[in-house]
């Protein structure tokens, strides 16, 4: 399994395009492998949205899988401005209500099924 920093680099390259692909690959790999070394303290990404998304996602998955959350995620602050991941204006209200607490505490708003796969 790739380390979190490798996925971070892919997400950063795609942040204005299809960042969801490497993001979902990380989620799938971590759920399958439970490789705690893959989520060891990452180097700073330099992109607050990506850093907050990584930390929130790891907290969510660790909670879901009954794994201990790495301590470094608590050091990742909330964003300066709310980020509505979907980008659709008409979904903002429902995202505020549905967003999992691990995302909401960092001002990331998404649908409750953000990490579900079809």
C-alpha atoms as a PDB file:
ATOM      1  CA  UNK A   1       0.000   0.000   0.000  1.00  0.00           C
ATOM      2  CA  UNK A   2       1.226   3.473  -0.827  1.00  0.00           C
ATOM      3  CA  UNK A   3       1.991   5.894   1.968  1.00  0.00           C
ATOM      4  CA  UNK A   4      -0.377   8.776   2.548  1.00  0.00           C
ATOM      5  CA  UNK A   5       2.169  11.262   1.207  1.00  0.00           C
ATOM      6  CA  UNK A   6       2.158   9.442  -2.155  1.00  0.00           C
ATOM      7  CA  UNK A   7      -1.603   9.765  -2.418  1.00  0.00           C
ATOM      8  CA  UNK A   8      -1.337  13.381  -1.253  1.00  0.00           C
ATOM      9  CA  UNK A   9       1.034  14.140  -4.119  1.00  0.00           C
ATOM     10  CA  UNK A  10      -1.404  12.596  -6.620  1.00  0.00           C
ATOM     11  CA  UNK A  11      -4.333  14.519  -5.136  1.00  0.00           C
ATOM     12  CA  UNK A  12      -2.366  17.777  -5.262  1.00  0.00           C
ATOM     13  CA  UNK A  13      -1.519  17.216  -8.930  1.00  0.00           C
ATOM     14  CA  UNK A  14      -5.211  16.696  -9.667  1.00  0.00           C
ATOM     15  CA  UNK A  15      -6.728  19.255  -7.270  1.00  0.00           C
ATOM     16  CA  UNK A  16      -8.215  21.281 -10.126  1.00  0.00           C
ATOM     17  CA  UNK A  17      -9.249  18.189 -12.052  1.00  0.00           C
ATOM     18  CA  UNK A  18     -10.086  14.695 -10.911  1.00  0.00           C
ATOM     19  CA  UNK A  19      -8.575  14.569  -7.415  1.00  0.00           C
ATOM     20  CA  UNK A  20     -11.348  12.201  -6.371  1.00  0.00           C
ATOM     21  CA  UNK A  21      -9.665   9.279  -8.170  1.00  0.00           C
ATOM     22  CA  UNK A  22      -6.480   9.106  -6.029  1.00  0.00           C
ATOM     23  CA  UNK A  23      -8.565  10.082  -2.978  1.00  0.00           C
ATOM     24  CA  UNK A  24     -10.898   7.109  -3.465  1.00  0.00           C
ATOM     25  CA  UNK A  25      -7.932   4.818  -4.215  1.00  0.00           C
ATOM     26  CA  UNK A  26      -6.460   5.717  -0.855  1.00  0.00           C
ATOM     27  CA  UNK A  27      -9.789   5.067   0.899  1.00  0.00           C
ATOM     28  CA  UNK A  28     -10.176   1.680  -0.801  1.00  0.00           C
ATOM     29  CA  UNK A  29      -6.582   0.638  -0.098  1.00  0.00           C
ATOM     30  CA  UNK A  30      -6.705   1.639   3.553  1.00  0.00           C
ATOM     31  CA  UNK A  31     -10.039  -0.067   4.182  1.00  0.00           C
ATOM     32  CA  UNK A  32      -8.686  -3.248   2.628  1.00  0.00           C
ATOM     33  CA  UNK A  33      -5.182  -3.277   4.125  1.00  0.00           C
ATOM     34  CA  UNK A  34      -5.535  -1.483   7.496  1.00  0.00           C
ATOM     35  CA  UNK A  35      -1.866  -0.581   7.060  1.00  0.00           C
ATOM     36  CA  UNK A  36      -1.275   1.922   9.866  1.00  0.00           C
ATOM     37  CA  UNK A  37       2.186   2.727   8.507  1.00  0.00           C
ATOM     38  CA  UNK A  38       0.474   4.193   5.438  1.00  0.00           C
ATOM     39  CA  UNK A  39      -1.115   6.906   7.573  1.00  0.00           C
ATOM     40  CA  UNK A  40       1.914   7.764   9.664  1.00  0.00           C
ATOM     41  CA  UNK A  41       2.464  11.490  10.112  1.00  0.00           C
ATOM     42  CA  UNK A  42       2.637  12.945   6.616  1.00  0.00           C
ATOM     43  CA  UNK A  43       4.792  15.800   5.523  1.00  0.00           C
ATOM     44  CA  UNK A  44       2.847  19.062   5.249  1.00  0.00           C
ATOM     45  CA  UNK A  45       1.034  19.255   1.939  1.00  0.00           C
ATOM     46  CA  UNK A  46       0.979  23.017   1.599  1.00  0.00           C
ATOM     47  CA  UNK A  47      -2.677  22.894   0.588  1.00  0.00           C
ATOM     48  CA  UNK A  48      -5.059  23.434   3.529  1.00  0.00           C
ATOM     49  CA  UNK A  49      -8.001  21.776   1.771  1.00  0.00           C
ATOM     50  CA  UNK A  50      -6.046  18.615   0.968  1.00  0.00           C
ATOM     51  CA  UNK A  51      -4.498  18.482   4.457  1.00  0.00           C
ATOM     52  CA  UNK A  52      -7.917  18.855   6.111  1.00  0.00           C
ATOM     53  CA  UNK A  53      -9.486  16.326   3.752  1.00  0.00           C
ATOM     54  CA  UNK A  54      -6.761  13.757   4.511  1.00  0.00           C
ATOM     55  CA  UNK A  55      -7.041  14.190   8.274  1.00  0.00           C
ATOM     56  CA  UNK A  56     -10.850  14.056   8.254  1.00  0.00           C
ATOM     57  CA  UNK A  57     -10.893  11.004   6.026  1.00  0.00           C
ATOM     58  CA  UNK A  58      -8.420   9.124   8.202  1.00  0.00           C
ATOM     59  CA  UNK A  59     -10.383   9.959  11.343  1.00  0.00           C
ATOM     60  CA  UNK A  60     -13.601   8.784   9.681  1.00  0.00           C
ATOM     61  CA  UNK A  61     -12.145   5.501   8.431  1.00  0.00           C
ATOM     62  CA  UNK A  62     -10.348   4.736  11.698  1.00  0.00           C
ATOM     63  CA  UNK A  63     -13.601   5.283  13.589  1.00  0.00           C
ATOM     64  CA  UNK A  64     -15.503   3.159  11.073  1.00  0.00           C
ATOM     65  CA  UNK A  65     -12.978   0.311  11.238  1.00  0.00           C
ATOM     66  CA  UNK A  66     -12.427   0.441  15.021  1.00  0.00           C
ATOM     67  CA  UNK A  67      -8.794   1.492  14.603  1.00  0.00           C
ATOM     68  CA  UNK A  68      -6.880   3.965  16.728  1.00  0.00           C
ATOM     69  CA  UNK A  69      -6.721   7.366  15.114  1.00  0.00           C
ATOM     70  CA  UNK A  70      -3.164   8.690  14.555  1.00  0.00           C
ATOM     71  CA  UNK A  71      -2.485  11.628  16.884  1.00  0.00           C
ATOM     72  CA  UNK A  72      -1.210  13.922  14.109  1.00  0.00           C
ATOM     73  CA  UNK A  73      -4.708  14.409  12.692  1.00  0.00           C
ATOM     74  CA  UNK A  74      -5.712  16.430  15.754  1.00  0.00           C
ATOM     75  CA  UNK A  75      -3.106  19.029  14.799  1.00  0.00           C
ATOM     76  CA  UNK A  76      -4.727  19.707  11.409  1.00  0.00           C
ATOM     77  CA  UNK A  77      -6.829  22.844  11.841  1.00  0.00           C
ATOM     78  CA  UNK A  78     -10.197  23.772  10.420  1.00  0.00           C
ATOM     79  CA  UNK A  79     -10.197  25.611   7.117  1.00  0.00           C
ATOM     80  CA  UNK A  80     -10.409  29.396   7.093  1.00  0.00           C
ATOM     81  CA  UNK A  81     -13.500  29.202   4.853  1.00  0.00           C
ATOM     82  CA  UNK A  82     -16.077  26.417   4.529  1.00  0.00           C
ATOM     83  CA  UNK A  83     -15.429  24.008   1.665  1.00  0.00           C
ATOM     84  CA  UNK A  84     -18.422  22.395   0.000  1.00  0.00           C
ATOM     85  CA  UNK A  85     -16.800  19.457  -1.749  1.00  0.00           C
ATOM     86  CA  UNK A  86     -19.625  18.825  -4.217  1.00  0.00           C
ATOM     87  CA  UNK A  87     -19.368  22.349  -5.613  1.00  0.00           C
ATOM     88  CA  UNK A  88     -23.119  22.414  -6.259  1.00  0.00           C
ATOM     89  CA  UNK A  89     -24.895  25.385  -4.742  1.00  0.00           C
ATOM     90  CA  UNK A  90     -28.196  23.529  -4.404  1.00  0.00           C
ATOM     91  CA  UNK A  91     -26.567  20.824  -2.218  1.00  0.00           C
ATOM     92  CA  UNK A  92     -25.090  23.165   0.394  1.00  0.00           C
ATOM     93  CA  UNK A  93     -27.955  22.943   2.890  1.00  0.00           C
ATOM     94  CA  UNK A  94     -28.096  19.164   2.857  1.00  0.00           C
ATOM     95  CA  UNK A  95     -24.286  18.939   3.093  1.00  0.00           C
ATOM     96  CA  UNK A  96     -24.334  21.087   6.244  1.00  0.00           C
ATOM     97  CA  UNK A  97     -26.777  18.645   7.835  1.00  0.00           C
ATOM     98  CA  UNK A  98     -25.318  15.364   6.529  1.00  0.00           C
ATOM     99  CA  UNK A  99     -21.576  15.960   6.679  1.00  0.00           C
ATOM    100  CA  UNK A 100     -19.845  13.513   9.072  1.00  0.00           C
ATOM    101  CA  UNK A 101     -18.493  15.149  12.220  1.00  0.00           C
ATOM    102  CA  UNK A 102     -14.899  14.340  11.258  1.00  0.00           C
ATOM    103  CA  UNK A 103     -15.321  16.591   8.211  1.00  0.00           C
ATOM    104  CA  UNK A 104     -17.642  19.178   9.711  1.00  0.00           C
ATOM    105  CA  UNK A 105     -15.217  20.086  12.492  1.00  0.00           C
ATOM    106  CA  UNK A 106     -12.758  21.223   9.811  1.00  0.00           C
ATOM    107  CA  UNK A 107     -15.434  23.120   7.853  1.00  0.00           C
ATOM    108  CA  UNK A 108     -15.575  20.499   5.106  1.00  0.00           C
ATOM    109  CA  UNK A 109     -19.139  19.851   4.042  1.00  0.00           C
ATOM    110  CA  UNK A 110     -20.170  16.876   2.003  1.00  0.00           C
ATOM    111  CA  UNK A 111     -22.947  14.351   1.684  1.00  0.00           C
ATOM    112  CA  UNK A 112     -23.038  11.581   4.310  1.00  0.00           C
ATOM    113  CA  UNK A 113     -22.081   8.996   1.700  1.00  0.00           C
ATOM    114  CA  UNK A 114     -18.820  10.736   0.795  1.00  0.00           C
ATOM    115  CA  UNK A 115     -16.777   7.602   1.450  1.00  0.00           C
ATOM    116  CA  UNK A 116     -19.247   5.015   0.209  1.00  0.00           C
ATOM    117  CA  UNK A 117     -18.582   3.131  -2.988  1.00  0.00           C
ATOM    118  CA  UNK A 118     -21.191   2.105  -5.529  1.00  0.00           C
END
